[in-house]
Amino acid sequence: MGALSPSRVLSVLLGGLFLLSAPSAAEGLVWDDATWDLFEILPVRPVGAADGADPAPARDISNRSAGTEAEPAQNRSMLLEAVMESLSKGMGGPEITEDGEGRSRGSNFSFVLPRGWKAAPRGDLDGGNLTLEGPSALATIVWFEDSGIDPEILLRQVVRAYRSGSLRFSVLEVEPGEAVTIDGQRASTLNVFYIYGGLESQKRIVAWSTPRSGRFFFASFWSVSEAWDANLGAFEALLASFRDEGAEGYVELEPRTATFDLWGAVLQETLRSYHFERVAIPPSPEVGMRVVLTAHREAGRVDQLASEEIVSSTPAAIPPREAALQALLLDRGYAAAILRRGGAFWLVVQGPEGRWQAISSSGAGGRGMGSLVGPDDLEWYRGLVAGWPDAVEGPAPTSGTVLVEDCNPPRIVRLDPRSEVNLTWILGIEELLNRYRYSGKGNDSDSFMKAQVCWALLEREGHDALLVTSYEGHPLHPRMWVIVHHPGSGHVAVDPAASGDRGLGEIVSGAEWFDGLGYETSLQYSCLHPDKGHAIDPEAVRTPDPG
């Protein structure tokens, strides 16, 4: 059989048309006699399922107006300017052009076209198909937004479509092929052999996704039997040369080296101070698959070519959970953006040094809104900026999502020690600390328990006291102590871990004692850290006779 004529190419294009968006209700869908199979992509499981605290008054942010607050809008603009500096530059337009290295380019991907083959593109950067015509061979490469499809699962749907009873093959063999690598990504393959109308045909199908552009690729190859080996080799060489050039908005961010330093610790505490009471569930992306047969006649011979069609009816959208979290962080002055890859969405926040911190959000009912991701998990720092460039218009819709504020986050403490103290006042503090001792039999090094007891006593006696903790990189980490406001101005620090067998602690000096995270009450700390908090009310403190 010779090369395909232009009329044959047209008939194959019509038979193998890939529908990439859902039609309007007025248009409807007409699914001829071909096999139609629909499956859902399971949503990404939320991270964190611990029981939450007793609910505080709910904060319904579902009616938040985008861009109504000047500071969040300004923060977002500043963030996107920073993100632009690290964007990958994409190639525009669906036309196929050839560069000086012999690579054909179009729709932000490139490849080496085999000698004697022709390429005809259709579509744009977000979705389309490329028809490749070779000597007695035909191939198509389809691309669309990757909403979390597993290539293996999609190919299983192809198998089901081929094995449907509505396609009456006299012989059909469908089996998985060996995985291959395309542009550094693992690709799944499928081999199809069938006899229809007494004529043999075979196909090779390949599916893979590319994070640099957030697209899913589906390639289908057919050749006449007489030239199968040669044409398959040319097709495999084309796939081996395939390169995804990336999309505008793809970033590879530099993570912060210290996750729980002072800035990171405050961010984590901010996430702990809220929880999701209700989270709107976005629709799950759906992908349809069908197989059609198209008859081709040439020189008295009729070939029945099977063509696969894919329909992505519900493209992925920013989940309300991540949108609500971004809106809250913007309100608090954080430069927060949403990244996406393979149907998953998550947040990144820019630190004061210009590097980035990724956040894994929690599900509804869990404690807190999310947790910080360390710098070693690099995949959390690579992805497409969701909504780019529309993100400059303000946070995404958060309808149906309710955040509950459980308590206030701590504040950064950087205080000046008192160089000259009121002697009468300081002696009174020392006498109070020495009057009592800890009766608990816990670990003597448990500064967190002792500090809360010491703080409660000082507060009960009328002193203005503050609980302070260290952070990653702090010379006292991990530890808790108490800072007391000196009459007039200045502060003194009390180390409860230095109490020994008697007393509640000692007054200490040194700049490190006046730097940390400050909590106003033991109840506030206990809300954020139920594992170490004791929720002590100063008014409920009972003191025995001095011993």
Protein backbone atom coordinates (compact mmCIF):
# COMPACT_ATOMS: atom_id res chain seq x y z
CA MET A 1 0.00 0.00 0.00
CA GLY A 2 1.39 3.39 -0.97
CA ALA A 3 1.43 6.71 0.83
CA LEU A 4 -1.90 8.02 2.08
CA SER A 5 -3.68 10.41 -0.24
CA PRO A 6 -4.93 13.82 1.05
CA SER A 7 -8.51 12.53 0.95
CA ARG A 8 -7.57 9.60 3.18
CA VAL A 9 -5.86 11.90 5.66
CA LEU A 10 -9.03 13.98 5.91
CA SER A 11 -11.20 10.94 6.53
CA VAL A 12 -8.88 9.78 9.32
CA LEU A 13 -8.97 13.20 10.95
CA LEU A 14 -12.75 13.14 10.99
CA GLY A 15 -12.87 9.60 12.34
CA GLY A 16 -10.33 10.33 15.06
CA LEU A 17 -11.56 13.76 16.15
CA PHE A 18 -10.70 14.49 19.79
CA LEU A 19 -13.29 16.54 21.65
CA LEU A 20 -11.58 18.55 24.38
CA SER A 21 -14.38 20.57 25.93
CA ALA A 22 -17.97 19.99 26.88
CA PRO A 23 -20.58 21.45 24.50
CA SER A 24 -23.31 23.81 25.57
CA ALA A 25 -26.62 22.44 26.73
CA ALA A 26 -28.24 23.56 23.49
CA GLU A 27 -25.80 21.59 21.38
CA GLY A 28 -25.95 18.32 23.27
CA LEU A 29 -23.84 15.34 22.32
CA VAL A 30 -24.48 12.72 19.66
CA TRP A 31 -22.58 9.53 20.40
CA ASP A 32 -23.06 7.38 17.27
CA ASP A 33 -22.64 3.61 17.61
CA ALA A 34 -19.09 3.82 18.94
CA THR A 35 -18.13 2.70 22.41
CA TRP A 36 -18.39 5.40 25.09
CA ASP A 37 -16.84 5.02 28.49
CA LEU A 38 -16.76 7.61 31.26
CA PHE A 39 -14.76 7.58 34.44
CA GLU A 40 -14.02 10.02 37.23
CA ILE A 41 -10.67 11.12 38.55
CA LEU A 42 -10.59 10.66 42.29
CA PRO A 43 -9.94 13.92 44.17
CA VAL A 44 -6.63 14.39 45.95
CA ARG A 45 -6.91 13.16 49.53
CA PRO A 46 -6.58 15.95 52.14
CA VAL A 47 -3.61 15.96 54.46
CA GLY A 48 -4.21 15.95 58.20
CA ALA A 49 -7.20 14.29 59.80
CA ALA A 50 -6.73 14.96 63.50
CA ASP A 51 -9.75 15.95 65.58
CA GLY A 52 -10.24 19.69 65.76
CA ALA A 53 -10.77 21.86 68.82
CA ASP A 54 -14.19 23.02 70.01
CA PRO A 55 -15.50 25.32 67.28
CA ALA A 56 -15.26 29.06 67.70
CA PRO A 57 -17.59 31.45 65.85
CA ALA A 58 -17.34 30.56 62.18
CA ARG A 59 -15.84 32.91 59.67
CA ASP A 60 -17.74 32.47 56.40
CA ILE A 61 -15.55 33.83 53.63
CA SER A 62 -17.77 32.61 50.81
CA ASN A 63 -18.90 36.15 49.94
CA ARG A 64 -15.46 37.71 49.99
CA SER A 65 -15.03 40.23 47.19
CA ALA A 66 -11.79 39.85 45.31
CA GLY A 67 -9.48 42.82 45.54
CA THR A 68 -11.58 44.80 48.04
CA GLU A 69 -8.72 45.12 50.51
CA ALA A 70 -5.77 47.18 49.40
CA GLU A 71 -3.07 45.29 51.28
CA PRO A 72 -3.87 41.77 49.97
CA ALA A 73 -4.20 43.10 46.42
CA GLN A 74 -0.84 44.82 46.72
CA ASN A 75 0.75 41.71 48.20
CA ARG A 76 -0.55 39.62 45.32
CA SER A 77 0.83 42.00 42.70
CA MET A 78 4.23 41.99 44.41
CA LEU A 79 4.17 38.19 44.57
CA LEU A 80 3.36 37.73 40.91
CA GLU A 81 6.15 40.10 39.92
CA ALA A 82 8.55 37.89 41.88
CA VAL A 83 7.15 34.73 40.33
CA MET A 84 7.55 36.14 36.82
CA GLU A 85 11.31 36.30 37.28
CA SER A 86 11.50 32.51 37.46
CA LEU A 87 8.89 31.62 34.85
CA SER A 88 9.80 29.36 32.01
CA LYS A 89 9.37 31.03 28.64
CA GLY A 90 6.94 29.14 26.46
CA MET A 91 6.64 29.03 22.71
CA GLY A 92 3.42 30.44 21.31
CA GLY A 93 1.11 29.40 18.51
CA PRO A 94 0.11 26.02 17.12
CA GLU A 95 2.07 26.29 13.88
CA ILE A 96 4.80 23.78 13.16
CA THR A 97 8.12 25.46 12.42
CA GLU A 98 11.62 24.08 12.09
CA ASP A 99 14.63 25.54 13.85
CA GLY A 100 18.27 25.42 12.83
CA GLU A 101 18.75 22.09 14.63
CA GLY A 102 16.09 20.36 12.54
CA ARG A 103 13.54 20.28 15.37
CA SER A 104 9.90 20.98 14.60
CA ARG A 105 8.23 23.27 17.12
CA GLY A 106 4.67 24.18 17.93
CA SER A 107 2.27 24.55 20.88
CA ASN A 108 5.20 24.69 23.30
CA PHE A 109 6.67 21.32 22.40
CA SER A 110 9.25 20.22 19.85
CA PHE A 111 10.35 17.01 18.15
CA VAL A 112 12.43 15.71 15.26
CA LEU A 113 10.14 14.82 12.35
CA PRO A 114 11.19 11.60 10.56
CA ARG A 115 12.36 12.01 6.99
CA GLY A 116 9.44 11.85 4.57
CA TRP A 117 6.80 12.50 7.27
CA LYS A 118 4.43 15.48 7.41
CA ALA A 119 2.89 17.19 10.43
CA ALA A 120 -0.43 19.05 10.61
CA PRO A 121 -1.36 20.72 13.94
CA ARG A 122 -4.76 21.75 15.20
CA GLY A 123 -5.64 23.54 18.46
CA ASP A 124 -3.74 25.77 20.86
CA LEU A 125 -1.48 25.55 23.91
CA ASP A 126 -4.21 24.18 26.16
CA GLY A 127 -5.57 21.50 23.86
CA GLY A 128 -5.30 20.18 20.35
CA ASN A 129 -3.98 17.40 18.18
CA LEU A 130 -1.08 16.84 15.84
CA THR A 131 -1.57 14.55 12.84
CA LEU A 132 1.59 12.88 11.56
CA GLU A 133 1.57 11.25 8.12
CA GLY A 134 4.33 8.92 7.00
CA PRO A 135 4.78 6.37 4.22
CA SER A 136 1.73 4.10 4.72
CA ALA A 137 1.54 5.24 8.34
CA LEU A 138 -0.58 7.59 10.38
CA ALA A 139 -0.15 8.86 13.93
CA THR A 140 -1.86 11.43 16.13
CA ILE A 141 -0.65 13.16 19.28
CA VAL A 142 -3.39 14.74 21.35
CA TRP A 143 -2.84 17.06 24.31
CA PHE A 144 -5.15 18.56 26.91
CA GLU A 145 -4.99 19.88 30.47
CA ASP A 146 -3.71 17.32 32.95
CA SER A 147 -6.35 17.12 35.67
CA GLY A 148 -4.77 14.20 37.47
CA ILE A 149 -5.21 11.36 35.01
CA ASP A 150 -3.06 8.29 35.61
CA PRO A 151 -1.79 7.11 32.19
CA GLU A 152 -2.24 3.49 33.27
CA ILE A 153 -5.89 4.10 34.19
CA LEU A 154 -6.58 5.89 30.93
CA LEU A 155 -5.11 3.03 28.92
CA ARG A 156 -7.28 0.58 30.84
CA GLN A 157 -10.27 2.59 29.64
CA VAL A 158 -8.93 2.24 26.10
CA VAL A 159 -8.84 -1.53 26.58
CA ARG A 160 -12.45 -1.52 27.79
CA ALA A 161 -13.50 0.58 24.81
CA TYR A 162 -11.85 -1.80 22.33
CA ARG A 163 -13.39 -4.84 24.02
CA SER A 164 -16.89 -3.44 24.00
CA GLY A 165 -19.41 -5.66 22.26
CA SER A 166 -20.49 -2.87 19.91
CA LEU A 167 -17.20 -3.19 18.02
CA ARG A 168 -17.36 -6.56 16.31
CA PHE A 169 -13.75 -7.52 15.72
CA SER A 170 -13.32 -11.08 14.53
CA VAL A 171 -9.95 -11.12 16.33
CA LEU A 172 -8.83 -8.67 19.02
CA GLU A 173 -5.66 -8.70 21.11
CA VAL A 174 -4.96 -5.81 23.50
CA GLU A 175 -2.10 -5.96 25.96
CA PRO A 176 0.07 -3.48 27.89
CA GLY A 177 3.49 -2.74 26.44
CA GLU A 178 6.72 -1.89 28.19
CA ALA A 179 6.94 1.54 29.79
CA VAL A 180 9.10 4.07 27.95
CA THR A 181 10.63 7.40 28.90
CA ILE A 182 9.54 10.52 27.03
CA ASP A 183 11.13 13.85 27.94
CA GLY A 184 12.16 12.46 31.31
CA GLN A 185 8.63 11.28 32.15
CA ARG A 186 7.44 7.70 32.44
CA ALA A 187 5.01 6.85 29.64
CA SER A 188 2.62 3.88 29.53
CA THR A 189 2.08 1.94 26.30
CA LEU A 190 -0.57 -0.31 24.82
CA ASN A 191 -0.37 -2.71 21.86
CA VAL A 192 -3.53 -3.38 19.85
CA PHE A 193 -4.01 -6.03 17.13
CA TYR A 194 -7.35 -6.66 15.48
CA ILE A 195 -8.95 -8.20 12.40
CA TYR A 196 -12.00 -6.52 10.96
CA GLY A 197 -13.57 -7.47 7.66
CA GLY A 198 -10.84 -10.00 7.08
CA LEU A 199 -8.05 -7.36 7.22
CA GLU A 200 -5.37 -7.19 9.92
CA SER A 201 -4.39 -3.95 11.68
CA GLN A 202 -2.20 -3.13 14.64
CA LYS A 203 -1.59 -0.01 16.68
CA ARG A 204 0.73 1.36 19.36
CA ILE A 205 -0.75 3.75 21.93
CA VAL A 206 1.37 5.82 24.33
CA ALA A 207 0.18 8.09 27.19
CA TRP A 208 2.14 10.41 29.49
CA SER A 209 1.89 13.72 31.32
CA THR A 210 4.34 16.62 31.55
CA PRO A 211 4.51 18.83 34.65
CA ARG A 212 6.30 21.69 32.89
CA SER A 213 3.18 22.59 30.93
CA GLY A 214 0.51 20.80 32.96
CA ARG A 215 -0.63 18.79 29.94
CA PHE A 216 -1.51 15.18 29.23
CA PHE A 217 -0.35 13.64 25.93
CA PHE A 218 -1.97 10.70 24.15
CA ALA A 219 -0.23 9.31 21.05
CA SER A 220 -1.74 6.72 18.70
CA PHE A 221 0.21 5.08 15.83
CA TRP A 222 -0.97 2.90 12.92
CA SER A 223 0.86 1.45 9.95
CA VAL A 224 0.23 -1.09 7.21
CA SER A 225 1.57 -4.49 8.16
CA GLU A 226 4.16 -4.59 5.37
CA ALA A 227 5.96 -1.49 6.71
CA TRP A 228 5.14 -1.87 10.42
CA ASP A 229 8.67 -2.32 11.76
CA ALA A 230 10.19 0.57 9.80
CA ASN A 231 7.35 2.99 10.54
CA LEU A 232 7.19 1.99 14.22
CA GLY A 233 10.91 2.70 14.51
CA ALA A 234 10.37 6.16 13.01
CA PHE A 235 7.48 6.84 15.40
CA GLU A 236 9.49 5.72 18.43
CA ALA A 237 12.38 7.95 17.34
CA LEU A 238 9.98 10.88 17.14
CA LEU A 239 8.74 10.24 20.69
CA ALA A 240 12.32 9.86 21.93
CA SER A 241 13.07 13.32 20.53
CA PHE A 242 9.93 14.88 22.04
CA ARG A 243 10.53 17.86 24.36
CA ASP A 244 7.94 19.82 26.30
CA GLU A 245 9.09 23.44 26.21
CA GLY A 246 7.04 24.37 29.28
CA ALA A 247 4.26 26.89 29.77
CA GLU A 248 4.14 30.45 30.93
CA GLY A 249 3.55 30.25 34.64
CA TYR A 250 5.68 27.14 35.29
CA VAL A 251 8.09 27.79 38.15
CA GLU A 252 10.86 25.97 39.96
CA LEU A 253 11.10 27.82 43.24
CA GLU A 254 13.98 27.82 45.68
CA PRO A 255 12.74 26.49 49.04
CA ARG A 256 13.62 28.06 52.36
CA THR A 257 16.49 26.20 54.00
CA ALA A 258 15.04 26.41 57.55
CA THR A 259 11.39 25.43 57.76
CA PHE A 260 10.69 26.29 61.39
CA ASP A 261 12.86 29.33 61.97
CA LEU A 262 11.15 32.35 63.55
CA TRP A 263 9.25 33.33 60.38
CA GLY A 264 8.30 29.75 59.57
CA ALA A 265 7.23 29.02 63.14
CA VAL A 266 4.85 32.00 63.09
CA LEU A 267 3.43 30.86 59.74
CA GLN A 268 2.86 27.34 61.11
CA GLU A 269 1.17 28.77 64.21
CA THR A 270 -1.04 30.91 61.98
CA LEU A 271 -2.14 27.76 60.15
CA ARG A 272 -2.84 26.08 63.50
CA SER A 273 -4.97 28.97 64.74
CA TYR A 274 -7.79 28.17 62.27
CA HIS A 275 -9.51 25.08 60.99
CA PHE A 276 -11.88 24.34 58.13
CA GLU A 277 -15.38 23.78 59.47
CA ARG A 278 -16.83 23.26 56.03
CA VAL A 279 -15.14 22.90 52.65
CA ALA A 280 -17.01 23.05 49.37
CA ILE A 281 -16.33 19.96 47.25
CA PRO A 282 -15.44 20.87 43.67
CA PRO A 283 -16.68 18.65 40.84
CA SER A 284 -14.36 15.78 40.04
CA PRO A 285 -12.78 16.05 36.58
CA GLU A 286 -14.26 13.57 34.14
CA VAL A 287 -12.69 12.10 31.05
CA GLY A 288 -14.55 10.12 28.41
CA MET A 289 -13.09 7.57 26.01
CA ARG A 290 -14.53 6.01 22.86
CA VAL A 291 -13.26 4.11 19.83
CA VAL A 292 -14.64 4.57 16.32
CA LEU A 293 -13.96 2.72 13.06
CA THR A 294 -13.45 4.58 9.80
CA ALA A 295 -13.35 2.87 6.40
CA HIS A 296 -10.65 3.88 3.90
CA ARG A 297 -10.66 2.74 0.31
CA GLU A 298 -7.74 2.83 -2.09
CA ALA A 299 -7.07 0.76 -5.22
CA GLY A 300 -9.82 -1.67 -4.34
CA ARG A 301 -8.57 -2.22 -0.81
CA VAL A 302 -10.55 -1.20 2.28
CA ASP A 303 -8.81 -0.62 5.63
CA GLN A 304 -10.79 -0.20 8.83
CA LEU A 305 -8.84 2.17 11.07
CA ALA A 306 -9.76 2.28 14.75
CA SER A 307 -9.44 5.77 16.23
CA GLU A 308 -9.56 6.69 19.92
CA GLU A 309 -11.41 9.79 21.08
CA ILE A 310 -10.98 11.51 24.44
CA VAL A 311 -13.35 14.03 25.96
CA SER A 312 -12.36 16.06 29.02
CA SER A 313 -15.72 17.43 30.10
CA THR A 314 -14.85 19.13 33.41
CA PRO A 315 -11.45 20.82 33.47
CA ALA A 316 -9.86 21.21 36.88
CA ALA A 317 -10.45 24.45 38.81
CA ILE A 318 -8.81 25.92 41.90
CA PRO A 319 -10.36 24.06 44.88
CA PRO A 320 -12.26 26.28 47.36
CA ARG A 321 -10.07 24.97 50.20
CA GLU A 322 -6.84 26.30 48.69
CA ALA A 323 -8.58 29.49 47.54
CA ALA A 324 -9.83 30.18 51.07
CA LEU A 325 -6.42 29.54 52.59
CA GLN A 326 -4.78 31.87 50.08
CA ALA A 327 -7.33 34.61 50.84
CA LEU A 328 -6.66 34.34 54.57
CA LEU A 329 -2.88 34.45 54.19
CA LEU A 330 -3.13 37.45 51.89
CA ASP A 331 -5.26 39.19 54.52
CA ARG A 332 -2.47 38.60 57.02
CA GLY A 333 0.15 40.09 54.71
CA TYR A 334 1.71 36.90 53.35
CA ALA A 335 2.69 36.71 49.66
CA ALA A 336 0.83 33.48 48.87
CA ALA A 337 0.32 31.81 45.50
CA ILE A 338 -1.32 28.57 44.40
CA LEU A 339 0.61 26.02 42.35
CA ARG A 340 -0.88 23.07 40.49
CA ARG A 341 0.36 19.87 38.90
CA GLY A 342 -1.46 16.75 37.80
CA GLY A 343 -4.79 17.78 39.32
CA ALA A 344 -3.25 18.66 42.70
CA PHE A 345 -3.28 22.22 44.09
CA TRP A 346 -1.25 23.63 46.97
CA LEU A 347 0.08 26.92 48.32
CA VAL A 348 3.53 28.46 48.42
CA VAL A 349 4.42 31.52 50.49
CA GLN A 350 7.41 33.77 49.91
CA GLY A 351 9.63 34.30 52.93
CA PRO A 352 11.39 37.54 53.89
CA GLU A 353 14.62 36.38 52.23
CA GLY A 354 12.87 35.78 48.90
CA ARG A 355 12.74 31.98 49.09
CA TRP A 356 9.59 29.90 49.29
CA GLN A 357 7.66 27.77 51.75
CA ALA A 358 5.19 25.14 50.53
CA ILE A 359 2.02 24.31 52.49
CA SER A 360 0.06 21.08 52.49
CA SER A 361 -3.52 22.02 53.35
CA SER A 362 -5.72 20.09 55.78
CA GLY A 363 -9.18 18.72 55.22
CA ALA A 364 -12.45 19.79 56.81
CA GLY A 365 -12.71 18.90 60.49
CA GLY A 366 -8.97 18.48 60.93
CA ARG A 367 -6.89 20.51 63.35
CA GLY A 368 -5.39 23.55 61.68
CA MET A 369 -5.40 24.57 58.04
CA GLY A 370 -2.22 22.87 56.90
CA SER A 371 1.40 22.02 57.58
CA LEU A 372 4.71 23.26 56.24
CA VAL A 373 6.62 21.12 53.74
CA GLY A 374 10.40 20.80 54.13
CA PRO A 375 12.96 21.86 51.52
CA ASP A 376 13.89 18.27 50.60
CA ASP A 377 10.49 17.64 48.97
CA LEU A 378 11.38 19.54 45.82
CA GLU A 379 8.24 18.51 43.91
CA TRP A 380 6.27 20.82 46.19
CA TYR A 381 8.27 23.74 44.80
CA ARG A 382 7.69 22.99 41.12
CA GLY A 383 4.47 23.58 39.26
CA LEU A 384 2.25 25.94 37.35
CA VAL A 385 0.95 29.11 38.96
CA ALA A 386 -2.79 28.41 39.10
CA GLY A 387 -4.90 31.00 37.35
CA TRP A 388 -1.94 32.74 35.75
CA PRO A 389 -2.24 35.56 34.75
CA ASP A 390 -5.78 35.94 36.12
CA ALA A 391 -4.41 35.61 39.65
CA VAL A 392 -3.63 39.34 39.71
CA GLU A 393 -7.36 40.04 39.92
CA GLY A 394 -7.64 38.68 43.47
CA PRO A 395 -8.31 35.43 45.33
CA ALA A 396 -10.28 32.68 43.63
CA PRO A 397 -13.92 32.08 44.65
CA THR A 398 -14.34 30.46 48.06
CA SER A 399 -18.10 29.83 48.03
CA GLY A 400 -19.24 27.23 50.53
CA THR A 401 -16.00 27.22 52.53
CA VAL A 402 -16.06 28.24 56.20
CA LEU A 403 -12.97 28.91 58.33
CA VAL A 404 -13.15 28.91 62.13
CA GLU A 405 -10.64 30.92 64.14
CA ASP A 406 -9.78 28.95 67.27
CA CYS A 407 -7.30 31.40 68.79
CA ASN A 408 -4.78 34.08 67.89
CA PRO A 409 -1.33 33.08 66.64
CA PRO A 410 1.69 34.12 68.73
CA ARG A 411 3.63 37.29 68.13
CA ILE A 412 7.30 37.72 67.44
CA VAL A 413 9.12 38.79 70.60
CA ARG A 414 12.20 40.98 70.37
CA LEU A 415 12.41 42.84 73.65
CA ASP A 416 15.04 44.88 75.44
CA PRO A 417 16.22 43.57 78.81
CA ARG A 418 16.06 45.94 81.73
CA SER A 419 19.58 47.17 82.51
CA GLU A 420 18.61 48.96 85.72
CA VAL A 421 15.93 47.33 87.84
CA ASN A 422 13.79 48.44 90.75
CA LEU A 423 15.48 46.60 93.59
CA THR A 424 12.33 46.31 95.70
CA TRP A 425 10.38 44.94 92.72
CA ILE A 426 13.05 42.43 91.69
CA LEU A 427 13.43 41.15 95.26
CA GLY A 428 9.66 40.67 95.37
CA ILE A 429 9.81 38.59 92.18
CA GLU A 430 12.64 36.45 93.57
CA GLU A 431 10.83 35.95 96.89
CA LEU A 432 7.69 34.86 95.03
CA LEU A 433 9.63 32.38 92.87
CA ASN A 434 11.41 30.92 95.91
CA ARG A 435 8.25 30.62 97.98
CA TYR A 436 6.88 27.67 95.98
CA ARG A 437 8.13 24.59 94.23
CA TYR A 438 6.74 22.29 91.55
CA SER A 439 4.87 19.33 93.01
CA GLY A 440 4.59 17.36 89.75
CA LYS A 441 6.67 14.24 89.23
CA GLY A 442 7.20 14.87 85.53
CA ASN A 443 10.45 15.30 83.73
CA ASP A 444 12.58 17.97 85.41
CA SER A 445 13.54 19.24 81.97
CA ASP A 446 9.88 19.86 81.02
CA SER A 447 10.23 23.60 80.71
CA PHE A 448 6.90 23.83 78.88
CA MET A 449 4.87 22.60 81.85
CA LYS A 450 6.91 24.55 84.42
CA ALA A 451 6.80 27.76 82.41
CA GLN A 452 3.00 27.68 82.22
CA VAL A 453 2.73 27.10 85.98
CA CYS A 454 5.22 29.89 86.67
CA TRP A 455 3.43 32.24 84.26
CA ALA A 456 0.06 31.52 85.90
CA LEU A 457 1.38 32.32 89.39
CA LEU A 458 2.98 35.58 88.24
CA GLU A 459 -0.23 36.60 86.49
CA ARG A 460 -2.30 35.73 89.56
CA GLU A 461 -0.05 37.94 91.67
CA GLY A 462 -0.67 40.90 89.35
CA HIS A 463 2.42 40.82 87.15
CA ASP A 464 2.29 41.34 83.38
CA ALA A 465 3.87 38.10 82.15
CA LEU A 466 4.34 36.48 78.74
CA LEU A 467 5.08 32.88 77.75
CA VAL A 468 7.96 32.64 75.25
CA THR A 469 9.22 29.67 73.21
CA SER A 470 12.29 29.18 71.08
CA TYR A 471 12.38 28.19 67.42
CA GLU A 472 14.60 26.28 64.98
CA GLY A 473 18.07 27.83 65.12
CA HIS A 474 17.51 29.56 68.47
CA PRO A 475 20.32 28.89 71.00
CA LEU A 476 17.77 27.77 73.64
CA HIS A 477 15.71 25.53 71.34
CA PRO A 478 13.57 23.65 72.32
CA ARG A 479 12.49 25.50 75.43
CA MET A 480 9.83 27.69 77.07
CA TRP A 481 10.31 30.45 79.62
CA VAL A 482 8.57 33.54 81.02
CA ILE A 483 9.18 37.24 80.41
CA VAL A 484 7.86 39.74 82.97
CA HIS A 485 7.28 43.41 82.23
CA HIS A 486 9.29 45.68 84.52
CA PRO A 487 7.44 48.64 86.03
CA GLY A 488 7.91 51.63 83.76
CA SER A 489 9.80 49.99 80.91
CA GLY A 490 11.93 47.00 80.06
CA HIS A 491 11.61 43.33 80.90
CA VAL A 492 13.18 40.54 82.91
CA ALA A 493 13.28 36.85 81.98
CA VAL A 494 12.58 33.86 84.22
CA ASP A 495 13.98 30.41 83.43
CA PRO A 496 11.71 27.80 85.09
CA ALA A 497 14.06 24.95 84.16
CA ALA A 498 16.68 26.35 86.55
CA SER A 499 14.46 25.83 89.59
CA GLY A 500 16.17 22.69 90.88
CA ASP A 501 14.54 21.08 93.90
CA ARG A 502 13.12 24.35 95.24
CA GLY A 503 11.61 27.42 93.71
CA LEU A 504 9.84 28.08 90.45
CA GLY A 505 12.76 29.50 88.51
CA GLU A 506 15.57 32.02 88.36
CA ILE A 507 15.90 35.44 86.80
CA VAL A 508 18.31 35.23 83.87
CA SER A 509 20.01 37.68 81.55
CA GLY A 510 21.27 37.44 78.01
CA ALA A 511 19.84 38.59 74.67
CA GLU A 512 18.66 35.09 73.70
CA TRP A 513 16.04 35.15 76.48
CA PHE A 514 14.31 38.16 74.93
CA ASP A 515 13.89 36.71 71.44
CA GLY A 516 11.23 34.15 70.50
CA LEU A 517 7.52 33.51 70.02
CA GLY A 518 5.28 35.16 72.58
CA TYR A 519 1.98 33.70 73.84
CA GLU A 520 -0.34 35.86 75.92
CA THR A 521 -1.85 32.99 77.90
CA SER A 522 -1.45 29.31 78.65
CA LEU A 523 -4.87 28.78 77.06
CA GLN A 524 -3.63 30.30 73.78
CA TYR A 525 -0.56 28.05 73.75
CA SER A 526 -2.69 25.00 74.62
CA CYS A 527 -5.06 25.74 71.74
CA LEU A 528 -2.13 25.66 69.31
CA HIS A 529 -0.20 22.85 71.06
CA PRO A 530 -2.62 20.51 72.85
CA ASP A 531 0.19 17.99 73.32
CA LYS A 532 2.25 20.38 75.48
CA GLY A 533 -0.32 22.88 76.67
CA HIS A 534 -1.97 22.74 80.10
CA ALA A 535 -4.62 25.48 79.64
CA ILE A 536 -3.92 26.95 83.09
CA ASP A 537 -6.21 29.75 84.25
CA PRO A 538 -4.32 32.07 86.63
CA GLU A 539 -7.50 32.64 88.66
CA ALA A 540 -7.75 28.89 89.27
CA VAL A 541 -4.20 28.54 90.64
CA ARG A 542 -4.11 27.25 94.21
CA THR A 543 -0.97 27.66 96.25
CA PRO A 544 -0.16 25.61 99.35
CA ASP A 545 1.52 26.99 102.38
CA PRO A 546 5.12 27.98 101.63
CA GLY A 547 7.37 24.97 101.98
